[in-house]
Amino acid sequence: MCNVHNITLSQFQVAEADRIDSEEEHTALSEVSMALVCGSASVTFPSSSFPRHSHRNTSSSSSSSLVGLQFPFHKLVSLSLSPSSSSNTNARTLRIHSQQQDSSILPPEQDPRFLCVEPEPRFKGPDIWNKTWYPKAADHVNTEKTWYVVDATDKVLGRLASTIAIHIRGKNLETYTPSVDMGAFVIVVNAEKVAVSGKKRTQKLYRRHSGRPGGMKVETFAQLQNRIPERIIEHAVRGMLPKGRLGRRLFTHLKVYEGPDHPHAAQKPIELPIQDKRIYLQR
């Protein structure tokens, strides 16, 4: 916006201007500044308070100066002093051309309010540099898992349990992920014929507690094998699985049976691959 103000100085005001004191000059200059800022139509001030220069141009981006006064506004000010076109030849006309520029709006890269804001990414879409693969839900569906079967006859308990735990967790797969159920189902038959080395048959102890005072029960390997042979393999494999929700889910993939028969023929289980030759008991 550009405002034009016409200020006429009469001959009487020019004559009276020589006798005003410094306080009146300051008051007149304040009125000029208010006329410029507020956009008033006219202002009356003594001619002696205005400088004797015929023409003066000032330009500032941060503050504008008019007759020694500083304005905190961003203005482009043009001052000109010329004789009036009226019959009074001693009168002067002051034309003020002011153009206000809005400095409150700064570009985002200069506004301190937006300096801490992260810029939007230039490219959108998948990150072609992040090639880390993570399994989806379709990669570990239980209906598509492999079923294995293994005969526990004359196989060392600890080495058999570690082999079973590896396949239940899926550590034998290239796509193994520790936090995902990636493994297979394992069927164990002839659980009563599992073997142990040394004197563990009589020295290995199994403890259980009923939860009541004095409810601790202790029995040897041979006693538990005669009573519940499936529990021996289940106890060994459970200790090699993760503790928590994932471990409890993986434990359901273990199927242990006494005798050579099992009810999972419809799943078409295949023989469990065993690479550890020390799994067989050395006579």
C-alpha atoms as a PDB file:
ATOM      1  CA  MET A   1       0.000   0.000   0.000  1.00  0.00           C
ATOM      2  CA  CYS A   2       1.296   3.436  -0.855  1.00  0.00           C
ATOM      3  CA  ASN A   3       0.052   6.519   1.053  1.00  0.00           C
ATOM      4  CA  VAL A   4       0.572  10.097  -0.109  1.00  0.00           C
ATOM      5  CA  HIS A   5       0.274  12.939   2.428  1.00  0.00           C
ATOM      6  CA  ASN A   6       0.236  16.639   1.564  1.00  0.00           C
ATOM      7  CA  ILE A   7       1.368  18.993   4.328  1.00  0.00           C
ATOM      8  CA  THR A   8       1.112  22.749   3.623  1.00  0.00           C
ATOM      9  CA  LEU A   9       3.084  25.278   5.609  1.00  0.00           C
ATOM     10  CA  SER A  10       1.527  28.749   5.668  1.00  0.00           C
ATOM     11  CA  GLN A  11       3.432  32.033   5.718  1.00  0.00           C
ATOM     12  CA  PHE A  12       2.275  32.693   9.243  1.00  0.00           C
ATOM     13  CA  GLN A  13       3.661  29.374  10.420  1.00  0.00           C
ATOM     14  CA  VAL A  14       7.013  30.136   8.765  1.00  0.00           C
ATOM     15  CA  ALA A  15       7.187  33.472  10.598  1.00  0.00           C
ATOM     16  CA  GLU A  16       6.297  31.922  13.945  1.00  0.00           C
ATOM     17  CA  ALA A  17       8.712  29.029  13.498  1.00  0.00           C
ATOM     18  CA  ASP A  18      11.772  31.135  14.462  1.00  0.00           C
ATOM     19  CA  ARG A  19      10.488  31.631  18.017  1.00  0.00           C
ATOM     20  CA  ILE A  20       9.580  28.092  19.027  1.00  0.00           C
ATOM     21  CA  ASP A  21      11.804  26.370  21.536  1.00  0.00           C
ATOM     22  CA  SER A  22      13.311  22.925  21.416  1.00  0.00           C
ATOM     23  CA  GLU A  23      10.358  21.315  23.208  1.00  0.00           C
ATOM     24  CA  GLU A  24       7.917  22.549  20.566  1.00  0.00           C
ATOM     25  CA  GLU A  25      10.246  21.276  17.831  1.00  0.00           C
ATOM     26  CA  HIS A  26      10.229  17.825  19.389  1.00  0.00           C
ATOM     27  CA  THR A  27       6.423  17.895  19.606  1.00  0.00           C
ATOM     28  CA  ALA A  28       6.163  18.881  15.936  1.00  0.00           C
ATOM     29  CA  LEU A  29       8.476  16.118  14.870  1.00  0.00           C
ATOM     30  CA  SER A  30       6.432  13.601  16.864  1.00  0.00           C
ATOM     31  CA  GLU A  31       3.310  14.718  15.001  1.00  0.00           C
ATOM     32  CA  VAL A  32       5.088  14.157  11.684  1.00  0.00           C
ATOM     33  CA  SER A  33       6.057  10.670  12.721  1.00  0.00           C
ATOM     34  CA  MET A  34       2.508   9.853  13.855  1.00  0.00           C
ATOM     35  CA  ALA A  35       1.180  11.179  10.542  1.00  0.00           C
ATOM     36  CA  LEU A  36       3.471   8.837   8.724  1.00  0.00           C
ATOM     37  CA  VAL A  37       2.638   5.819  10.889  1.00  0.00           C
ATOM     38  CA  CYS A  38      -1.085   6.343  11.338  1.00  0.00           C
ATOM     39  CA  GLY A  39      -1.718   7.740   7.859  1.00  0.00           C
ATOM     40  CA  SER A  40      -3.416  10.996   8.952  1.00  0.00           C
ATOM     41  CA  ALA A  41      -4.592  13.403   6.247  1.00  0.00           C
ATOM     42  CA  SER A  42      -2.659  16.488   7.388  1.00  0.00           C
ATOM     43  CA  VAL A  43      -0.440  17.807  10.137  1.00  0.00           C
ATOM     44  CA  THR A  44       0.533  21.319  11.290  1.00  0.00           C
ATOM     45  CA  PHE A  45       4.115  21.967  12.323  1.00  0.00           C
ATOM     46  CA  PRO A  46       6.492  24.972  12.172  1.00  0.00           C
ATOM     47  CA  SER A  47       8.697  25.159   9.131  1.00  0.00           C
ATOM     48  CA  SER A  48      11.806  25.685  11.260  1.00  0.00           C
ATOM     49  CA  SER A  49      11.402  22.213  12.689  1.00  0.00           C
ATOM     50  CA  PHE A  50      11.800  20.706   9.229  1.00  0.00           C
ATOM     51  CA  PRO A  51      15.289  20.647   7.708  1.00  0.00           C
ATOM     52  CA  ARG A  52      16.154  23.259   5.064  1.00  0.00           C
ATOM     53  CA  HIS A  53      17.005  20.630   2.454  1.00  0.00           C
ATOM     54  CA  SER A  54      14.869  20.889  -0.648  1.00  0.00           C
ATOM     55  CA  HIS A  55      14.750  17.153  -1.232  1.00  0.00           C
ATOM     56  CA  ARG A  56      15.595  14.092   0.919  1.00  0.00           C
ATOM     57  CA  ASN A  57      15.165  10.382   0.284  1.00  0.00           C
ATOM     58  CA  THR A  58      15.581   7.718   2.949  1.00  0.00           C
ATOM     59  CA  SER A  59      15.268   3.987   2.608  1.00  0.00           C
ATOM     60  CA  SER A  60      15.665   1.306   5.276  1.00  0.00           C
ATOM     61  CA  SER A  61      14.695  -2.320   5.642  1.00  0.00           C
ATOM     62  CA  SER A  62      14.749  -2.617   9.420  1.00  0.00           C
ATOM     63  CA  SER A  63      14.009   0.975  10.627  1.00  0.00           C
ATOM     64  CA  SER A  64      13.127   4.226   8.879  1.00  0.00           C
ATOM     65  CA  SER A  65      14.454   7.635   9.902  1.00  0.00           C
ATOM     66  CA  LEU A  66      12.442  10.840   9.596  1.00  0.00           C
ATOM     67  CA  VAL A  67      13.929  14.097  10.968  1.00  0.00           C
ATOM     68  CA  GLY A  68      16.065  12.231  13.483  1.00  0.00           C
ATOM     69  CA  LEU A  69      13.293   9.843  14.674  1.00  0.00           C
ATOM     70  CA  GLN A  70      13.623   6.080  14.351  1.00  0.00           C
ATOM     71  CA  PHE A  71      10.583   3.998  13.369  1.00  0.00           C
ATOM     72  CA  PRO A  72      10.519   0.325  14.238  1.00  0.00           C
ATOM     73  CA  PHE A  73       8.456  -0.377  11.111  1.00  0.00           C
ATOM     74  CA  HIS A  74       9.667  -1.712   7.808  1.00  0.00           C
ATOM     75  CA  LYS A  75       8.889   1.176   5.420  1.00  0.00           C
ATOM     76  CA  LEU A  76      10.229   2.661   2.252  1.00  0.00           C
ATOM     77  CA  VAL A  77       9.999   6.437   2.804  1.00  0.00           C
ATOM     78  CA  SER A  78      10.443   9.192   0.211  1.00  0.00           C
ATOM     79  CA  LEU A  79      10.328  12.826   1.357  1.00  0.00           C
ATOM     80  CA  SER A  80      10.192  15.837  -0.940  1.00  0.00           C
ATOM     81  CA  LEU A  81       9.782  19.535  -0.175  1.00  0.00           C
ATOM     82  CA  SER A  82       8.521  21.832  -2.911  1.00  0.00           C
ATOM     83  CA  PRO A  83       6.733  25.229  -3.101  1.00  0.00           C
ATOM     84  CA  SER A  84       2.971  25.106  -2.911  1.00  0.00           C
ATOM     85  CA  SER A  85       0.867  25.800  -5.981  1.00  0.00           C
ATOM     86  CA  SER A  86      -1.322  28.205  -4.006  1.00  0.00           C
ATOM     87  CA  SER A  87      -1.001  31.981  -3.990  1.00  0.00           C
ATOM     88  CA  ASN A  88       1.116  31.906  -0.863  1.00  0.00           C
ATOM     89  CA  THR A  89       4.664  31.629  -2.209  1.00  0.00           C
ATOM     90  CA  ASN A  90       6.237  31.165   1.227  1.00  0.00           C
ATOM     91  CA  ALA A  91       4.259  27.998   1.903  1.00  0.00           C
ATOM     92  CA  ARG A  92       5.925  24.672   1.462  1.00  0.00           C
ATOM     93  CA  THR A  93       4.387  21.327   0.611  1.00  0.00           C
ATOM     94  CA  LEU A  94       5.771  18.130   2.086  1.00  0.00           C
ATOM     95  CA  ARG A  95       4.861  14.985   0.183  1.00  0.00           C
ATOM     96  CA  ILE A  96       5.451  11.760   2.012  1.00  0.00           C
ATOM     97  CA  HIS A  97       5.397   8.531   0.025  1.00  0.00           C
ATOM     98  CA  SER A  98       5.415   5.604   2.416  1.00  0.00           C
ATOM     99  CA  GLN A  99       5.107   1.947   1.558  1.00  0.00           C
ATOM    100  CA  GLN A 100       4.766  -0.519   4.405  1.00  0.00           C
ATOM    101  CA  GLN A 101       6.296  -3.949   4.032  1.00  0.00           C
ATOM    102  CA  ASP A 102       5.051  -6.843   6.123  1.00  0.00           C
ATOM    103  CA  SER A 103       8.075  -8.265   7.926  1.00  0.00           C
ATOM    104  CA  SER A 104       6.174 -10.514  10.321  1.00  0.00           C
ATOM    105  CA  ILE A 105       6.068 -13.324   7.765  1.00  0.00           C
ATOM    106  CA  LEU A 106       9.431 -14.961   7.280  1.00  0.00           C
ATOM    107  CA  PRO A 107      10.295 -17.880   5.042  1.00  0.00           C
ATOM    108  CA  PRO A 108      10.272 -21.238   6.880  1.00  0.00           C
ATOM    109  CA  GLU A 109      14.042 -21.626   6.607  1.00  0.00           C
ATOM    110  CA  GLN A 110      14.524 -18.273   8.473  1.00  0.00           C
ATOM    111  CA  ASP A 111      11.646 -18.440  10.965  1.00  0.00           C
ATOM    112  CA  PRO A 112      13.037 -19.635  14.334  1.00  0.00           C
ATOM    113  CA  ARG A 113       9.773 -21.444  15.051  1.00  0.00           C
ATOM    114  CA  PHE A 114      10.460 -23.909  12.261  1.00  0.00           C
ATOM    115  CA  LEU A 115      14.199 -24.390  12.759  1.00  0.00           C
ATOM    116  CA  CYS A 116      13.669 -27.470  14.961  1.00  0.00           C
ATOM    117  CA  VAL A 117      11.119 -29.061  12.618  1.00  0.00           C
ATOM    118  CA  GLU A 118      12.499 -31.901  10.538  1.00  0.00           C
ATOM    119  CA  PRO A 119      12.075 -31.309   6.819  1.00  0.00           C
ATOM    120  CA  GLU A 120       9.867 -33.628   4.847  1.00  0.00           C
ATOM    121  CA  PRO A 121      11.719 -36.341   2.971  1.00  0.00           C
ATOM    122  CA  ARG A 122      12.328 -35.485  -0.639  1.00  0.00           C
ATOM    123  CA  PHE A 123      11.709 -38.994  -1.883  1.00  0.00           C
ATOM    124  CA  LYS A 124       8.734 -41.094  -0.851  1.00  0.00           C
ATOM    125  CA  GLY A 125       8.332 -44.818  -1.222  1.00  0.00           C
ATOM    126  CA  PRO A 126      10.241 -47.918  -0.136  1.00  0.00           C
ATOM    127  CA  ASP A 127      13.813 -47.532   1.002  1.00  0.00           C
ATOM    128  CA  ILE A 128      15.831 -49.305  -1.670  1.00  0.00           C
ATOM    129  CA  TRP A 129      18.938 -49.301   0.517  1.00  0.00           C
ATOM    130  CA  ASN A 130      17.293 -51.150   3.407  1.00  0.00           C
ATOM    131  CA  LYS A 131      17.357 -54.746   2.210  1.00  0.00           C
ATOM    132  CA  THR A 132      16.882 -56.389   5.602  1.00  0.00           C
ATOM    133  CA  TRP A 133      14.305 -59.131   5.214  1.00  0.00           C
ATOM    134  CA  TYR A 134      11.735 -59.772   7.921  1.00  0.00           C
ATOM    135  CA  PRO A 135       9.195 -62.613   7.746  1.00  0.00           C
ATOM    136  CA  LYS A 136       5.577 -61.766   7.111  1.00  0.00           C
ATOM    137  CA  ALA A 137       2.562 -63.517   8.587  1.00  0.00           C
ATOM    138  CA  ALA A 138       2.250 -65.654   5.460  1.00  0.00           C
ATOM    139  CA  ASP A 139       5.780 -66.995   5.954  1.00  0.00           C
ATOM    140  CA  HIS A 140       5.020 -68.930   9.144  1.00  0.00           C
ATOM    141  CA  VAL A 141       1.550 -70.419   8.811  1.00  0.00           C
ATOM    142  CA  ASN A 142       1.130 -73.587  10.885  1.00  0.00           C
ATOM    143  CA  THR A 143      -0.739 -75.396   8.121  1.00  0.00           C
ATOM    144  CA  GLU A 144       2.282 -75.080   5.846  1.00  0.00           C
ATOM    145  CA  LYS A 145       4.965 -76.178   8.326  1.00  0.00           C
ATOM    146  CA  THR A 146       7.005 -79.310   7.853  1.00  0.00           C
ATOM    147  CA  TRP A 147       6.400 -82.346  10.057  1.00  0.00           C
ATOM    148  CA  TYR A 148       9.298 -84.547  11.171  1.00  0.00           C
ATOM    149  CA  VAL A 149       9.322 -87.889  12.951  1.00  0.00           C
ATOM    150  CA  VAL A 150      12.216 -89.396  14.922  1.00  0.00           C
ATOM    151  CA  ASP A 151      12.692 -92.680  16.739  1.00  0.00           C
ATOM    152  CA  ALA A 152      14.240 -92.192  20.208  1.00  0.00           C
ATOM    153  CA  THR A 153      15.526 -95.743  20.494  1.00  0.00           C
ATOM    154  CA  ASP A 154      19.121 -95.808  21.819  1.00  0.00           C
ATOM    155  CA  LYS A 155      19.601 -92.080  21.257  1.00  0.00           C
ATOM    156  CA  VAL A 156      21.299 -89.913  23.882  1.00  0.00           C
ATOM    157  CA  LEU A 157      18.734 -87.726  25.619  1.00  0.00           C
ATOM    158  CA  GLY A 158      20.617 -84.414  25.538  1.00  0.00           C
ATOM    159  CA  ARG A 159      21.805 -84.594  21.932  1.00  0.00           C
ATOM    160  CA  LEU A 160      18.385 -85.741  20.735  1.00  0.00           C
ATOM    161  CA  ALA A 161      16.689 -82.877  22.594  1.00  0.00           C
ATOM    162  CA  SER A 162      19.053 -80.266  21.106  1.00  0.00           C
ATOM    163  CA  THR A 163      18.415 -81.536  17.566  1.00  0.00           C
ATOM    164  CA  ILE A 164      14.659 -81.429  18.139  1.00  0.00           C
ATOM    165  CA  ALA A 165      14.860 -77.885  19.581  1.00  0.00           C
ATOM    166  CA  ILE A 166      16.835 -76.652  16.551  1.00  0.00           C
ATOM    167  CA  HIS A 167      14.124 -77.801  14.129  1.00  0.00           C
ATOM    168  CA  ILE A 168      11.272 -76.557  16.323  1.00  0.00           C
ATOM    169  CA  ARG A 169      12.800 -73.077  16.458  1.00  0.00           C
ATOM    170  CA  GLY A 170      13.716 -73.101  12.758  1.00  0.00           C
ATOM    171  CA  LYS A 171      17.441 -72.530  13.234  1.00  0.00           C
ATOM    172  CA  ASN A 172      18.135 -74.850  10.332  1.00  0.00           C
ATOM    173  CA  LEU A 173      16.423 -72.419   7.910  1.00  0.00           C
ATOM    174  CA  GLU A 174      18.076 -69.575   6.007  1.00  0.00           C
ATOM    175  CA  THR A 175      15.151 -67.320   6.955  1.00  0.00           C
ATOM    176  CA  TYR A 176      15.458 -67.978  10.694  1.00  0.00           C
ATOM    177  CA  THR A 177      14.264 -65.091  12.852  1.00  0.00           C
ATOM    178  CA  PRO A 178      14.580 -65.412  16.658  1.00  0.00           C
ATOM    179  CA  SER A 179      11.340 -63.584  17.410  1.00  0.00           C
ATOM    180  CA  VAL A 180       9.136 -65.491  14.947  1.00  0.00           C
ATOM    181  CA  ASP A 181       7.738 -69.000  14.986  1.00  0.00           C
ATOM    182  CA  MET A 182       9.598 -70.315  11.940  1.00  0.00           C
ATOM    183  CA  GLY A 183      10.164 -73.942  12.937  1.00  0.00           C
ATOM    184  CA  ALA A 184       8.503 -77.266  12.208  1.00  0.00           C
ATOM    185  CA  PHE A 185       6.578 -79.925  14.107  1.00  0.00           C
ATOM    186  CA  VAL A 186       8.524 -82.880  15.514  1.00  0.00           C
ATOM    187  CA  ILE A 187       7.036 -86.257  16.421  1.00  0.00           C
ATOM    188  CA  VAL A 188       8.991 -88.504  18.799  1.00  0.00           C
ATOM    189  CA  VAL A 189       8.145 -92.195  19.061  1.00  0.00           C
ATOM    190  CA  ASN A 190       9.493 -94.919  21.372  1.00  0.00           C
ATOM    191  CA  ALA A 191      10.124 -92.353  24.099  1.00  0.00           C
ATOM    192  CA  GLU A 192      10.594 -95.111  26.691  1.00  0.00           C
ATOM    193  CA  LYS A 193      13.757 -96.336  24.883  1.00  0.00           C
ATOM    194  CA  VAL A 194      15.747 -93.079  25.105  1.00  0.00           C
ATOM    195  CA  ALA A 195      19.248 -93.558  26.522  1.00  0.00           C
ATOM    196  CA  VAL A 196      21.508 -91.661  28.920  1.00  0.00           C
ATOM    197  CA  SER A 197      25.249 -91.986  29.457  1.00  0.00           C
ATOM    198  CA  GLY A 198      27.132 -92.949  32.585  1.00  0.00           C
ATOM    199  CA  LYS A 199      25.221 -93.458  35.821  1.00  0.00           C
ATOM    200  CA  LYS A 200      22.480 -90.905  35.011  1.00  0.00           C
ATOM    201  CA  ARG A 201      19.830 -93.616  35.017  1.00  0.00           C
ATOM    202  CA  THR A 202      20.092 -93.859  38.791  1.00  0.00           C
ATOM    203  CA  GLN A 203      21.703 -90.499  39.676  1.00  0.00           C
ATOM    204  CA  LYS A 204      19.734 -88.038  37.521  1.00  0.00           C
ATOM    205  CA  LEU A 205      16.883 -86.602  39.610  1.00  0.00           C
ATOM    206  CA  TYR A 206      13.590 -84.986  38.615  1.00  0.00           C
ATOM    207  CA  ARG A 207      11.832 -82.729  41.082  1.00  0.00           C
ATOM    208  CA  ARG A 208       8.299 -81.444  41.127  1.00  0.00           C
ATOM    209  CA  HIS A 209       6.257 -79.540  43.694  1.00  0.00           C
ATOM    210  CA  SER A 210       2.547 -79.663  44.327  1.00  0.00           C
ATOM    211  CA  GLY A 211       2.457 -76.096  45.679  1.00  0.00           C
ATOM    212  CA  ARG A 212       1.532 -77.142  49.206  1.00  0.00           C
ATOM    213  CA  PRO A 213       3.865 -77.221  52.223  1.00  0.00           C
ATOM    214  CA  GLY A 214       5.973 -80.364  52.058  1.00  0.00           C
ATOM    215  CA  GLY A 215       4.800 -81.112  48.523  1.00  0.00           C
ATOM    216  CA  MET A 216       8.254 -81.656  47.000  1.00  0.00           C
ATOM    217  CA  LYS A 217       8.518 -84.929  45.064  1.00  0.00           C
ATOM    218  CA  VAL A 218      11.855 -86.314  43.861  1.00  0.00           C
ATOM    219  CA  GLU A 219      12.394 -89.324  41.605  1.00  0.00           C
ATOM    220  CA  THR A 220      15.228 -90.749  39.528  1.00  0.00           C
ATOM    221  CA  PHE A 221      15.483 -91.076  35.769  1.00  0.00           C
ATOM    222  CA  ALA A 222      14.622 -94.778  35.887  1.00  0.00           C
ATOM    223  CA  GLN A 223      11.552 -94.180  38.066  1.00  0.00           C
ATOM    224  CA  LEU A 224      10.173 -91.424  35.803  1.00  0.00           C
ATOM    225  CA  GLN A 225      10.897 -93.497  32.699  1.00  0.00           C
ATOM    226  CA  ASN A 226       8.811 -96.339  34.060  1.00  0.00           C
ATOM    227  CA  ARG A 227       5.981 -94.033  35.117  1.00  0.00           C
ATOM    228  CA  ILE A 228       5.736 -91.330  32.362  1.00  0.00           C
ATOM    229  CA  PRO A 229       8.465 -91.811  29.683  1.00  0.00           C
ATOM    230  CA  GLU A 230       7.139 -88.915  27.538  1.00  0.00           C
ATOM    231  CA  ARG A 231       7.873 -86.400  30.301  1.00  0.00           C
ATOM    232  CA  ILE A 232      11.626 -87.017  30.129  1.00  0.00           C
ATOM    233  CA  ILE A 233      11.942 -85.816  26.517  1.00  0.00           C
ATOM    234  CA  GLU A 234       9.441 -83.005  27.050  1.00  0.00           C
ATOM    235  CA  HIS A 235      11.406 -81.736  30.058  1.00  0.00           C
ATOM    236  CA  ALA A 236      14.690 -81.783  28.120  1.00  0.00           C
ATOM    237  CA  VAL A 237      13.307 -79.990  25.045  1.00  0.00           C
ATOM    238  CA  ARG A 238      11.416 -77.373  27.086  1.00  0.00           C
ATOM    239  CA  GLY A 239      14.660 -76.313  28.750  1.00  0.00           C
ATOM    240  CA  MET A 240      16.176 -75.583  25.308  1.00  0.00           C
ATOM    241  CA  LEU A 241      13.319 -73.353  24.090  1.00  0.00           C
ATOM    242  CA  PRO A 242      12.861 -69.636  24.842  1.00  0.00           C
ATOM    243  CA  LYS A 243      11.120 -68.735  28.067  1.00  0.00           C
ATOM    244  CA  GLY A 244       7.972 -66.735  27.485  1.00  0.00           C
ATOM    245  CA  ARG A 245       5.028 -66.585  25.137  1.00  0.00           C
ATOM    246  CA  LEU A 246       7.026 -67.662  22.098  1.00  0.00           C
ATOM    247  CA  GLY A 247       8.543 -70.604  23.969  1.00  0.00           C
ATOM    248  CA  ARG A 248       5.146 -71.815  25.140  1.00  0.00           C
ATOM    249  CA  ARG A 249       3.865 -71.685  21.597  1.00  0.00           C
ATOM    250  CA  LEU A 250       6.885 -73.532  20.227  1.00  0.00           C
ATOM    251  CA  PHE A 251       6.518 -76.248  22.842  1.00  0.00           C
ATOM    252  CA  THR A 252       3.151 -77.199  21.353  1.00  0.00           C
ATOM    253  CA  HIS A 253       5.017 -78.277  18.193  1.00  0.00           C
ATOM    254  CA  LEU A 254       6.547 -81.214  20.046  1.00  0.00           C
ATOM    255  CA  LYS A 255       4.571 -84.481  19.994  1.00  0.00           C
ATOM    256  CA  VAL A 256       6.015 -87.285  22.150  1.00  0.00           C
ATOM    257  CA  TYR A 257       4.502 -90.782  22.233  1.00  0.00           C
ATOM    258  CA  GLU A 258       5.281 -94.060  23.918  1.00  0.00           C
ATOM    259  CA  GLY A 259       5.581 -96.870  21.433  1.00  0.00           C
ATOM    260  CA  PRO A 260       6.111 -96.828  17.655  1.00  0.00           C
ATOM    261  CA  ASP A 261       2.699 -95.452  16.689  1.00  0.00           C
ATOM    262  CA  HIS A 262       1.451 -91.851  16.422  1.00  0.00           C
ATOM    263  CA  PRO A 263      -1.824 -90.273  15.218  1.00  0.00           C
ATOM    264  CA  HIS A 264      -0.246 -87.802  12.740  1.00  0.00           C
ATOM    265  CA  ALA A 265      -0.094 -89.909   9.595  1.00  0.00           C
ATOM    266  CA  ALA A 266      -2.283 -87.358   7.752  1.00  0.00           C
ATOM    267  CA  GLN A 267       0.476 -84.725   8.068  1.00  0.00           C
ATOM    268  CA  LYS A 268       2.860 -87.047   6.149  1.00  0.00           C
ATOM    269  CA  PRO A 269       5.871 -86.547   8.426  1.00  0.00           C
ATOM    270  CA  ILE A 270       9.363 -87.132   7.074  1.00  0.00           C
ATOM    271  CA  GLU A 271      12.412 -88.490   8.840  1.00  0.00           C
ATOM    272  CA  LEU A 272      14.195 -85.963  11.041  1.00  0.00           C
ATOM    273  CA  PRO A 273      17.666 -85.263   9.580  1.00  0.00           C
ATOM    274  CA  ILE A 274      20.364 -85.969  12.165  1.00  0.00           C
ATOM    275  CA  GLN A 275      23.879 -84.730  11.450  1.00  0.00           C
ATOM    276  CA  ASP A 276      25.400 -85.360  14.881  1.00  0.00           C
ATOM    277  CA  LYS A 277      26.840 -88.853  14.861  1.00  0.00           C
ATOM    278  CA  ARG A 278      27.355 -88.764  18.626  1.00  0.00           C
ATOM    279  CA  ILE A 279      23.606 -88.839  19.131  1.00  0.00           C
ATOM    280  CA  TYR A 280      23.694 -92.621  19.201  1.00  0.00           C
ATOM    281  CA  LEU A 281      24.671 -94.306  22.433  1.00  0.00           C
ATOM    282  CA  GLN A 282      28.100 -95.943  22.302  1.00  0.00           C
ATOM    283  CA  ARG A 283      27.911 -99.460  23.715  1.00  0.00           C
END
